[in-house]
Amino acid sequence: MGNDSKHALLLRGLKQRCHRRQARVHKMNREATERQEQHNEMLSAMSERQAREERRLKEAIASPSNEYEGCRRSLLGLAY
C-alpha cells in the first residue's frame, strides 16, 4: 500500500469522525433548545398560576359575598 492510499484512508477516517462530531453537536444543541423551551413553558405556566391565585385572593378579600367571608377574615387576621 503506497503512501498516497494510506493518506487517503486517514483523510477519509478523519472526515467521517468530523461529520459524526458535528452531527453530535447539532443533536446536543437541538436537545438543549428543546429543554430551554420546556423550561420557559414551565416558568410561564407557574407565573400564570401565581397571577390567577393572586387575583383570586384579591377578589376574595374585596368580595362582600359569604362565599369568601371565611377566607377574607382569615387573610385579614379577624376572628370568626
Protein backbone atom coordinates (compact mmCIF):
# COMPACT_ATOMS: atom_id res chain seq x y z
CA MET A 1 0.00 0.00 0.00
CA GLY A 2 1.51 3.30 -1.06
CA ASN A 3 1.72 6.47 0.96
CA ASP A 4 -0.97 8.13 -1.12
CA SER A 5 -3.51 5.41 -0.36
CA LYS A 6 -2.59 5.48 3.35
CA HIS A 7 -3.10 9.22 3.42
CA ALA A 8 -6.40 8.90 1.59
CA LEU A 9 -7.63 6.33 4.14
CA LEU A 10 -6.51 8.54 7.04
CA LEU A 11 -8.17 11.56 5.49
CA ARG A 12 -11.42 9.69 4.90
CA GLY A 13 -11.39 8.46 8.51
CA LEU A 14 -10.81 11.99 9.80
CA LYS A 15 -13.65 13.37 7.68
CA GLN A 16 -16.02 10.69 8.93
CA ARG A 17 -15.12 11.42 12.56
CA CYS A 18 -15.55 15.13 11.94
CA HIS A 19 -19.01 14.60 10.44
CA ARG A 20 -20.03 12.39 13.37
CA ARG A 21 -18.84 15.00 15.86
CA GLN A 22 -20.69 17.76 14.03
CA ALA A 23 -23.85 15.65 14.00
CA ARG A 24 -23.46 15.03 17.75
CA VAL A 25 -23.00 18.74 18.42
CA HIS A 26 -26.08 19.61 16.33
CA LYS A 27 -28.11 16.97 18.19
CA MET A 28 -26.98 18.30 21.56
CA ASN A 29 -27.85 21.85 20.51
CA ARG A 30 -31.33 20.77 19.41
CA GLU A 31 -31.86 18.94 22.70
CA ALA A 32 -30.64 21.94 24.70
CA THR A 33 -33.03 24.20 22.78
CA GLU A 34 -35.92 21.81 23.48
CA ARG A 35 -35.07 21.71 27.19
CA GLN A 36 -34.88 25.51 27.31
CA GLU A 37 -38.28 25.79 25.62
CA GLN A 38 -39.78 23.32 28.11
CA HIS A 39 -38.26 25.27 30.99
CA ASN A 40 -39.63 28.55 29.63
CA GLU A 41 -43.10 27.00 29.22
CA MET A 42 -42.97 25.70 32.79
CA LEU A 43 -41.97 29.13 34.13
CA SER A 44 -44.74 30.77 32.12
CA ALA A 45 -47.32 28.32 33.44
CA MET A 46 -46.13 28.87 37.02
CA SER A 47 -46.34 32.64 36.54
CA GLU A 48 -49.87 32.37 35.15
CA ARG A 49 -50.95 30.17 38.09
CA GLN A 50 -49.45 32.63 40.57
CA ALA A 51 -51.20 35.57 38.87
CA ARG A 52 -54.53 33.69 38.95
CA GLU A 53 -54.07 32.88 42.63
CA GLU A 54 -53.24 36.49 43.44
CA ARG A 55 -56.35 37.67 41.56
CA ARG A 56 -58.44 35.09 43.41
CA LEU A 57 -57.10 36.25 46.76
CA LYS A 58 -57.70 39.91 45.91
CA GLU A 59 -61.24 39.10 44.82
CA ALA A 60 -61.78 37.09 47.99
CA ILE A 61 -60.59 39.96 50.16
CA ALA A 62 -62.64 42.56 48.30
CA SER A 63 -65.76 40.42 47.91
CA PRO A 64 -68.64 41.08 50.30
CA SER A 65 -70.17 37.68 49.49
CA ASN A 66 -70.42 34.95 52.09
CA GLU A 67 -68.63 32.58 49.75
CA TYR A 68 -65.32 34.28 50.52
CA GLU A 69 -66.08 35.57 54.01
CA GLY A 70 -64.10 32.88 55.85
CA CYS A 71 -61.12 33.27 53.58
CA ARG A 72 -61.27 37.07 53.76
CA ARG A 73 -61.49 37.11 57.55
CA SER A 74 -58.68 34.60 57.78
CA LEU A 75 -56.44 36.64 55.48
CA LEU A 76 -57.19 39.80 57.43
CA GLY A 77 -56.50 38.03 60.72
CA LEU A 78 -60.02 38.56 62.03
CA ALA A 79 -61.66 36.15 64.44
CA TYR A 80 -64.86 34.40 63.43
